[in-house]
Protein backbone atom coordinates (compact mmCIF):
# COMPACT_ATOMS: atom_id res chain seq x y z
CA MET A 1 -17.99 25.35 -10.57
CA SER A 2 -21.38 25.45 -9.93
CA THR A 3 -24.83 25.28 -11.16
CA PRO A 4 -26.59 28.45 -12.50
CA LEU A 5 -29.44 27.46 -9.45
CA ALA A 6 -27.18 27.90 -7.27
CA GLY A 7 -29.04 30.39 -4.46
CA ASN A 8 -32.61 29.32 -5.99
CA TRP A 9 -32.87 26.16 -2.96
CA LEU A 10 -35.24 23.15 -2.52
CA PRO A 11 -37.14 24.07 1.23
CA GLU A 12 -34.77 21.46 2.57
CA GLN A 13 -32.30 23.50 1.65
CA GLN A 14 -33.22 26.56 2.49
CA ARG A 15 -34.10 25.12 6.30
CA ARG A 16 -30.27 24.57 6.83
CA LEU A 17 -29.15 27.41 5.31
CA ASP A 18 -31.73 29.20 7.96
CA GLU A 19 -31.20 26.67 10.87
CA PHE A 20 -27.25 27.99 11.09
CA ASN A 21 -27.38 31.07 9.48
CA THR A 22 -25.10 29.65 6.74
CA SER A 23 -24.63 30.33 2.91
CA ARG A 24 -23.70 26.48 2.05
CA CYS A 25 -24.21 23.51 3.30
CA VAL A 26 -21.14 21.80 1.37
CA ASP A 27 -20.24 17.74 1.47
CA ILE A 28 -17.03 17.23 0.30
CA HIS A 29 -16.73 14.09 -0.20
CA CYS A 30 -19.61 12.34 -2.76
CA HIS A 31 -19.34 9.84 -5.60
CA CYS A 32 -21.63 11.84 -7.70
CA LEU A 33 -20.90 12.12 -11.42
CA PRO A 34 -21.71 9.42 -13.54
CA GLY A 35 -20.07 6.44 -15.41
CA LEU A 36 -16.39 7.13 -13.84
CA ASP A 37 -16.56 4.83 -10.52
CA ASP A 38 -18.85 3.11 -8.36
CA GLY A 39 -21.21 5.27 -8.24
CA PRO A 40 -24.03 6.26 -10.58
CA ALA A 41 -23.57 4.60 -13.84
CA THR A 42 -25.28 7.08 -16.36
CA MET A 43 -26.24 10.71 -16.11
CA ASP A 44 -29.95 9.44 -14.97
CA GLU A 45 -28.91 8.13 -12.26
CA ALA A 46 -26.64 10.62 -11.45
CA LEU A 47 -29.14 13.39 -11.25
CA ALA A 48 -31.86 10.81 -9.15
CA LEU A 49 -28.57 11.18 -6.81
CA CYS A 50 -27.76 14.85 -6.60
CA GLU A 51 -31.70 15.22 -6.69
CA GLU A 52 -32.09 13.30 -3.15
CA LEU A 53 -28.70 15.42 -1.89
CA ALA A 54 -30.73 19.00 -2.17
CA ARG A 55 -33.05 17.53 -0.48
CA ASP A 56 -30.64 16.02 2.89
CA GLY A 57 -30.22 19.72 2.86
CA VAL A 58 -27.00 19.81 1.06
CA THR A 59 -26.82 22.92 -0.92
CA THR A 60 -23.07 22.53 -2.69
CA VAL A 61 -20.74 19.07 -2.78
CA VAL A 62 -17.92 18.06 -4.53
CA ALA A 63 -17.57 15.16 -7.01
CA SER A 64 -14.96 13.06 -5.40
CA PRO A 65 -14.77 9.88 -7.32
CA HIS A 66 -12.19 6.82 -6.78
CA GLN A 67 -8.26 8.30 -8.54
CA LEU A 68 -5.79 5.54 -8.49
CA GLY A 69 -5.72 1.70 -6.94
CA ARG A 70 -8.39 0.05 -8.63
CA TYR A 71 -9.12 3.10 -10.49
CA ASP A 72 -5.41 3.91 -11.92
CA ARG A 73 -4.94 5.73 -14.50
CA LEU A 74 -8.87 5.57 -15.51
CA ASN A 75 -10.27 8.70 -13.88
CA SER A 76 -7.50 11.37 -14.10
CA ALA A 77 -7.81 14.80 -13.31
CA SER A 78 -8.42 15.97 -16.84
CA VAL A 79 -11.45 13.07 -16.56
CA ILE A 80 -13.61 14.25 -13.61
CA ARG A 81 -13.54 18.29 -14.60
CA GLU A 82 -15.32 17.24 -17.75
CA ALA A 83 -17.75 15.24 -16.40
CA VAL A 84 -17.99 17.86 -13.14
CA ALA A 85 -18.96 20.25 -16.24
CA ALA A 86 -21.49 18.03 -17.52
CA LEU A 87 -22.98 17.56 -14.72
CA VAL A 88 -22.97 20.59 -13.15
CA ALA A 89 -24.89 21.41 -17.18
CA ALA A 90 -27.57 18.79 -17.11
CA LEU A 91 -28.29 19.97 -13.56
CA ALA A 92 -29.11 23.10 -14.72
CA SER A 93 -31.04 21.69 -17.52
CA GLN A 94 -33.82 19.93 -14.82
CA GLN A 95 -33.58 23.00 -12.33
CA ILE A 96 -31.64 20.79 -9.69
CA PRO A 97 -30.15 23.93 -7.20
CA LEU A 98 -26.53 22.51 -6.29
CA GLU A 99 -23.37 23.55 -6.94
CA VAL A 100 -20.81 21.22 -7.72
CA PHE A 101 -16.91 21.28 -7.62
CA ALA A 102 -14.37 18.63 -8.73
CA GLY A 103 -12.00 16.46 -6.36
CA GLY A 104 -11.49 13.20 -5.58
CA ASP A 105 -11.24 10.55 -3.14
CA VAL A 106 -7.77 9.47 -3.82
CA ARG A 107 -6.27 6.58 -2.79
CA ILE A 108 -2.70 6.30 -0.44
CA ASP A 109 0.02 4.89 -3.16
CA GLU A 110 3.62 6.28 -2.96
CA ARG A 111 3.14 8.48 -6.79
CA LEU A 112 1.96 10.90 -5.45
CA PRO A 113 3.69 13.82 -5.19
CA ARG A 114 4.37 13.35 -8.68
CA LEU A 115 1.23 12.55 -9.18
CA LEU A 116 0.30 15.94 -7.74
CA GLU A 117 3.09 17.63 -10.18
CA ALA A 118 1.99 16.53 -13.29
CA ASP A 119 -1.71 17.14 -12.13
CA GLU A 120 -3.04 13.41 -12.20
CA ILE A 121 -5.33 13.67 -9.54
CA LEU A 122 -7.45 16.01 -7.79
CA THR A 123 -7.34 18.20 -4.42
CA VAL A 124 -10.12 18.89 -2.57
CA ALA A 125 -12.65 21.31 -5.06
CA ASP A 126 -9.57 21.97 -7.32
CA ALA A 127 -8.00 24.07 -4.46
CA GLY A 128 -5.31 22.95 -4.21
CA TYR A 129 -4.29 22.87 0.13
CA HIS A 130 -6.77 19.50 0.61
CA LEU A 131 -6.59 16.53 -0.27
CA LEU A 132 -8.88 13.47 0.59
CA LEU A 133 -6.89 9.88 1.07
CA GLU A 134 -7.95 6.18 1.00
CA LEU A 135 -6.71 3.57 2.66
CA PRO A 136 -6.97 0.16 0.99
CA HIS A 137 -10.17 -1.93 2.69
CA GLU A 138 -7.95 -5.33 3.03
CA LEU A 139 -4.62 -4.83 3.92
CA PHE A 140 -2.60 -2.31 6.19
CA VAL A 141 -0.45 1.43 5.16
CA ASP A 142 0.30 3.52 7.49
CA PRO A 143 -0.41 7.02 5.89
CA LEU A 144 2.34 8.70 8.31
CA PRO A 145 4.90 9.57 5.40
CA THR A 146 2.48 10.40 2.73
CA ILE A 147 0.59 12.62 5.53
CA ASP A 148 3.89 14.16 6.53
CA VAL A 149 4.87 14.67 2.30
CA LEU A 150 1.84 16.43 1.93
CA ARG A 151 2.24 18.27 4.65
CA GLU A 152 5.46 19.62 3.27
CA ARG A 153 3.66 20.53 -0.03
CA GLY A 154 0.94 22.51 1.45
CA LEU A 155 -1.66 20.59 1.80
CA GLN A 156 -3.95 19.14 4.22
CA SER A 157 -4.85 14.85 4.83
CA ILE A 158 -7.95 14.24 4.91
CA LEU A 159 -8.34 10.67 5.23
CA THR A 160 -11.66 9.57 4.25
CA HIS A 161 -13.83 6.96 6.81
CA PRO A 162 -11.29 5.17 9.01
CA GLU A 163 -14.21 4.38 10.74
CA ARG A 164 -14.77 1.28 8.01
CA HIS A 165 -11.23 -0.52 8.09
CA ALA A 166 -11.38 -3.48 10.44
CA TYR A 167 -7.81 -2.98 10.57
CA LEU A 168 -8.53 0.04 13.16
CA TYR A 169 -10.85 -1.36 15.08
CA GLY A 170 -10.39 -1.50 18.92
CA THR A 171 -8.14 1.67 19.68
CA THR A 172 -8.01 4.67 18.61
CA ASP A 173 -3.86 5.80 19.19
CA TRP A 174 -3.12 5.47 14.87
CA ALA A 175 -5.70 8.98 14.50
CA VAL A 176 -4.21 10.69 17.59
CA ASP A 177 -0.88 10.34 15.82
CA TRP A 178 -2.45 11.36 12.49
CA ILE A 179 -3.51 14.00 13.33
CA LYS A 180 -0.09 15.09 15.42
CA HIS A 181 1.31 15.24 12.04
CA GLY A 182 -1.61 17.73 10.48
CA ALA A 183 -4.42 14.96 9.47
CA VAL A 184 -7.91 15.51 9.20
CA LEU A 185 -10.53 12.65 9.83
CA GLN A 186 -13.50 12.66 7.90
CA ILE A 187 -16.24 9.68 8.43
CA THR A 188 -19.25 8.45 6.31
CA ALA A 189 -22.48 10.00 8.17
CA GLY A 190 -23.92 6.59 7.30
CA SER A 191 -21.97 5.17 9.82
CA LEU A 192 -22.75 7.13 12.53
CA LEU A 193 -26.70 5.25 11.96
CA GLY A 194 -24.93 2.09 11.69
CA ASP A 195 -25.24 1.54 8.11
CA PHE A 196 -21.99 -0.24 8.07
CA GLY A 197 -22.51 -2.37 10.88
CA SER A 198 -21.98 -2.64 14.20
CA HIS A 199 -18.41 -2.49 14.16
CA ALA A 200 -18.02 1.33 12.06
CA PHE A 201 -21.23 2.31 14.18
CA GLU A 202 -18.73 1.85 17.49
CA GLN A 203 -15.55 2.96 16.18
CA ALA A 204 -17.26 6.52 14.66
CA TRP A 205 -19.00 7.39 18.01
CA GLN A 206 -16.24 6.73 19.88
CA LEU A 207 -13.36 8.72 17.07
CA VAL A 208 -17.22 11.58 17.30
CA GLU A 209 -16.56 11.61 21.14
CA ARG A 210 -12.83 11.67 21.96
CA GLY A 211 -12.46 15.22 19.91
CA LEU A 212 -10.72 12.97 17.17
CA VAL A 213 -12.72 13.59 14.10
CA SER A 214 -13.08 16.86 12.23
CA LEU A 215 -15.21 15.95 9.20
CA VAL A 216 -18.61 14.27 8.20
CA ALA A 217 -19.41 13.51 4.63
CA THR A 218 -21.73 11.66 2.88
CA ASP A 219 -19.58 9.53 0.74
CA ALA A 220 -23.34 8.50 -1.38
CA HIS A 221 -22.83 6.72 -3.91
CA ASP A 222 -27.07 6.03 -5.23
CA THR A 223 -30.02 6.70 -4.01
CA ARG A 224 -30.68 3.50 -2.56
CA ARG A 225 -27.19 1.57 -1.52
CA ARG A 226 -25.35 4.21 -0.38
CA PRO A 227 -27.94 7.07 -0.01
CA PRO A 228 -27.20 10.62 1.32
CA ARG A 229 -27.69 10.43 5.71
CA LEU A 230 -26.48 14.13 6.60
CA THR A 231 -29.68 14.86 8.14
CA ALA A 232 -30.19 12.19 9.97
CA SER A 233 -26.96 12.19 10.53
CA LEU A 234 -26.37 16.17 12.07
CA THR A 235 -29.37 14.89 14.19
CA SER A 236 -27.75 12.11 15.90
CA LEU A 237 -24.84 14.03 16.94
CA ALA A 238 -26.39 16.93 18.28
CA GLU A 239 -28.23 14.47 20.85
CA ARG A 240 -25.00 12.74 21.33
CA ILE A 241 -22.08 15.64 21.58
CA GLY A 242 -24.54 18.90 21.45
CA ALA A 243 -25.24 21.34 18.81
CA ASP A 244 -22.43 23.81 18.59
CA ALA A 245 -19.84 20.32 18.04
CA ALA A 246 -22.28 18.82 15.30
CA ARG A 247 -22.59 22.40 13.68
CA ALA A 248 -18.46 21.84 13.08
CA LEU A 249 -17.94 18.42 12.10
CA VAL A 250 -20.95 19.29 8.95
CA ILE A 251 -21.68 22.82 8.92
CA ASP A 252 -18.16 24.99 9.39
CA ASN A 253 -15.97 22.07 8.70
CA PRO A 254 -16.44 21.30 5.33
CA GLN A 255 -17.22 25.47 4.55
CA HIS A 256 -13.50 25.54 6.36
CA VAL A 257 -12.73 23.00 3.23
CA LEU A 258 -14.26 24.44 0.58
CA ASP A 259 -12.86 27.57 1.30
CA GLY A 260 -9.15 26.69 1.69
CA ARG A 261 -9.07 26.78 4.95
CA PRO A 262 -6.77 24.43 7.12
CA ILE A 263 -8.81 22.42 10.36
CA GLU A 264 -7.04 22.19 12.97
CA LEU A 265 -8.03 20.29 15.85
CA SER A 266 -6.25 20.42 19.70
CA GLN A 267 -4.08 18.00 20.93
CA SER A 268 -5.85 17.50 24.62
CA PHE A 269 -7.93 14.41 23.07
CA SER A 270 -10.23 12.27 26.06
């Protein structure tokens, strides 16, 4: 679902599109729906966040509130779709040019196959090709069985913000294993800038520089505590890994996900 104003971009959005000669700048992971999780509490707060996304150069966002975990059965697919429709209408009313698609930040759960079949949880952009898969913050749960089950169903797992899990610090062997099973990694833009502390910063850059990251997303929740940081992270990425590699993580691969195309990563890691 997209706003009727899509295409009447803000200058910041148009600069991003012109710089990369592309039709969209996609953020595949953002908590921008009001009143559903730990993102904005009200529609006004949601609109402020969406305007901030637009001023950060984003043209298209996948609204991905938490599903399962402590939000078990609270944010069903139908609830999220209705919230997206309401946000799209509000964006049009306020003339904020931002496309919005439905999705979910889905906590790993043994019930996932059944819940997918029952249309209780959402894939990225509600397209049926990728799933944002979140691990618990407190303890490690091996995602490989779930990655395999989802792959057998034709879904590619996108592991969200693994650089922020303390139990994964100090090694990247787990990332290689997950990727060999067909998953890809999405890190948070703010992690590349130190917003989540030194450990997440170091882990994020280690993963990026080893070629283990496929996607960078804002994972924004609000305009102050967890704002969008895509432009600043894109600049840092270009400086450290080069413009072409930065473009793949921020522009090309997110567009592939929105289009329902699989992300493929070389098995030759540095």
